[in-house]
Amino acid sequence: MSTANVWTRSREKIRRFPEIFAQCAAEATAYGKCVTATTTGKQELKKDLCVKEFEALRTCFANVAKRAAK
């Protein structure tokens, strides 16, 4: 496996990210609202507080990426 192929694939994934992100706007918004709501004041984000929203966003990203790869 050549190093050039690894970088080419990585760059291609990064180039597609804005369109993937745009298709998951609802999930991204829900996750962002959860993070914002749980970190008001000086609170830090703790593990698993927004796991449901994060999993929905991750699933959306994976589904959109799979469709784009076909």
C-alpha atoms as a PDB file:
ATOM      1  CA  MET A   1       0.000   0.000   0.000  1.00  0.00           C
ATOM      2  CA  SER A   2       1.516   3.305  -0.995  1.00  0.00           C
ATOM      3  CA  THR A   3       1.533   6.335   1.234  1.00  0.00           C
ATOM      4  CA  ALA A   4       0.147   8.503  -1.580  1.00  0.00           C
ATOM      5  CA  ASN A   5      -3.050   6.427  -1.698  1.00  0.00           C
ATOM      6  CA  VAL A   6      -3.612   6.862   2.026  1.00  0.00           C
ATOM      7  CA  TRP A   7      -3.372  10.649   1.744  1.00  0.00           C
ATOM      8  CA  THR A   8      -5.539  10.722  -1.374  1.00  0.00           C
ATOM      9  CA  ARG A   9      -8.300   8.766   0.361  1.00  0.00           C
ATOM     10  CA  SER A  10      -8.044  10.943   3.463  1.00  0.00           C
ATOM     11  CA  ARG A  11      -8.263  14.150   1.436  1.00  0.00           C
ATOM     12  CA  GLU A  12     -11.274  12.820  -0.449  1.00  0.00           C
ATOM     13  CA  LYS A  13     -13.096  12.034   2.814  1.00  0.00           C
ATOM     14  CA  ILE A  14     -12.374  15.517   4.129  1.00  0.00           C
ATOM     15  CA  ARG A  15     -13.574  17.101   0.869  1.00  0.00           C
ATOM     16  CA  ARG A  16     -16.913  15.276   1.151  1.00  0.00           C
ATOM     17  CA  PHE A  17     -17.468  16.213   4.785  1.00  0.00           C
ATOM     18  CA  PRO A  18     -19.392  19.495   4.156  1.00  0.00           C
ATOM     19  CA  GLU A  19     -21.987  17.769   1.962  1.00  0.00           C
ATOM     20  CA  ILE A  20     -22.316  14.881   4.412  1.00  0.00           C
ATOM     21  CA  PHE A  21     -22.662  17.331   7.288  1.00  0.00           C
ATOM     22  CA  ALA A  22     -25.331  19.302   5.396  1.00  0.00           C
ATOM     23  CA  GLN A  23     -27.417  16.162   4.961  1.00  0.00           C
ATOM     24  CA  CYS A  24     -27.278  15.494   8.713  1.00  0.00           C
ATOM     25  CA  ALA A  25     -28.208  19.015   9.822  1.00  0.00           C
ATOM     26  CA  ALA A  26     -31.114  17.936  12.022  1.00  0.00           C
ATOM     27  CA  GLU A  27     -28.999  15.403  13.910  1.00  0.00           C
ATOM     28  CA  ALA A  28     -26.109  17.871  14.232  1.00  0.00           C
ATOM     29  CA  THR A  29     -28.462  20.518  15.597  1.00  0.00           C
ATOM     30  CA  ALA A  30     -29.912  18.116  18.168  1.00  0.00           C
ATOM     31  CA  TYR A  31     -26.419  17.093  19.309  1.00  0.00           C
ATOM     32  CA  GLY A  32     -25.278  20.706  19.508  1.00  0.00           C
ATOM     33  CA  LYS A  33     -28.310  21.693  21.575  1.00  0.00           C
ATOM     34  CA  CYS A  34     -27.685  18.796  23.949  1.00  0.00           C
ATOM     35  CA  VAL A  35     -24.029  19.738  24.400  1.00  0.00           C
ATOM     36  CA  THR A  36     -24.951  23.374  24.945  1.00  0.00           C
ATOM     37  CA  ALA A  37     -27.664  22.509  27.458  1.00  0.00           C
ATOM     38  CA  THR A  38     -25.387  20.224  29.475  1.00  0.00           C
ATOM     39  CA  THR A  39     -22.446  22.629  29.599  1.00  0.00           C
ATOM     40  CA  THR A  40     -24.098  25.810  30.840  1.00  0.00           C
ATOM     41  CA  GLY A  41     -21.990  27.887  33.174  1.00  0.00           C
ATOM     42  CA  LYS A  42     -18.734  26.246  34.192  1.00  0.00           C
ATOM     43  CA  GLN A  43     -19.912  22.664  33.754  1.00  0.00           C
ATOM     44  CA  GLU A  44     -17.816  20.369  31.628  1.00  0.00           C
ATOM     45  CA  LEU A  45     -19.285  17.927  29.148  1.00  0.00           C
ATOM     46  CA  LYS A  46     -19.310  14.507  30.748  1.00  0.00           C
ATOM     47  CA  LYS A  47     -19.197  11.210  28.939  1.00  0.00           C
ATOM     48  CA  ASP A  48     -22.525   9.740  27.822  1.00  0.00           C
ATOM     49  CA  LEU A  49     -24.667  12.812  28.594  1.00  0.00           C
ATOM     50  CA  CYS A  50     -25.519  13.252  24.905  1.00  0.00           C
ATOM     51  CA  VAL A  51     -24.894   9.699  23.747  1.00  0.00           C
ATOM     52  CA  LYS A  52     -28.326   9.312  22.123  1.00  0.00           C
ATOM     53  CA  GLU A  53     -27.882  12.444  20.029  1.00  0.00           C
ATOM     54  CA  PHE A  54     -24.265  11.577  19.172  1.00  0.00           C
ATOM     55  CA  GLU A  55     -25.215   8.085  18.023  1.00  0.00           C
ATOM     56  CA  ALA A  56     -27.958   9.519  15.800  1.00  0.00           C
ATOM     57  CA  LEU A  57     -25.428  11.911  14.244  1.00  0.00           C
ATOM     58  CA  ARG A  58     -22.827   9.165  13.788  1.00  0.00           C
ATOM     59  CA  THR A  59     -25.397   6.863  12.176  1.00  0.00           C
ATOM     60  CA  CYS A  60     -26.497   9.627   9.827  1.00  0.00           C
ATOM     61  CA  PHE A  61     -22.886  10.337   8.803  1.00  0.00           C
ATOM     62  CA  ALA A  62     -22.264   6.641   8.147  1.00  0.00           C
ATOM     63  CA  ASN A  63     -25.442   6.230   6.088  1.00  0.00           C
ATOM     64  CA  VAL A  64     -24.782   9.321   3.970  1.00  0.00           C
ATOM     65  CA  ALA A  65     -21.147   8.308   3.433  1.00  0.00           C
ATOM     66  CA  LYS A  66     -22.210   4.819   2.314  1.00  0.00           C
ATOM     67  CA  ARG A  67     -24.693   6.251  -0.181  1.00  0.00           C
ATOM     68  CA  ALA A  68     -22.079   8.679  -1.518  1.00  0.00           C
ATOM     69  CA  ALA A  69     -19.547   5.870  -1.988  1.00  0.00           C
ATOM     70  CA  LYS A  70     -21.877   3.898  -4.275  1.00  0.00           C
END
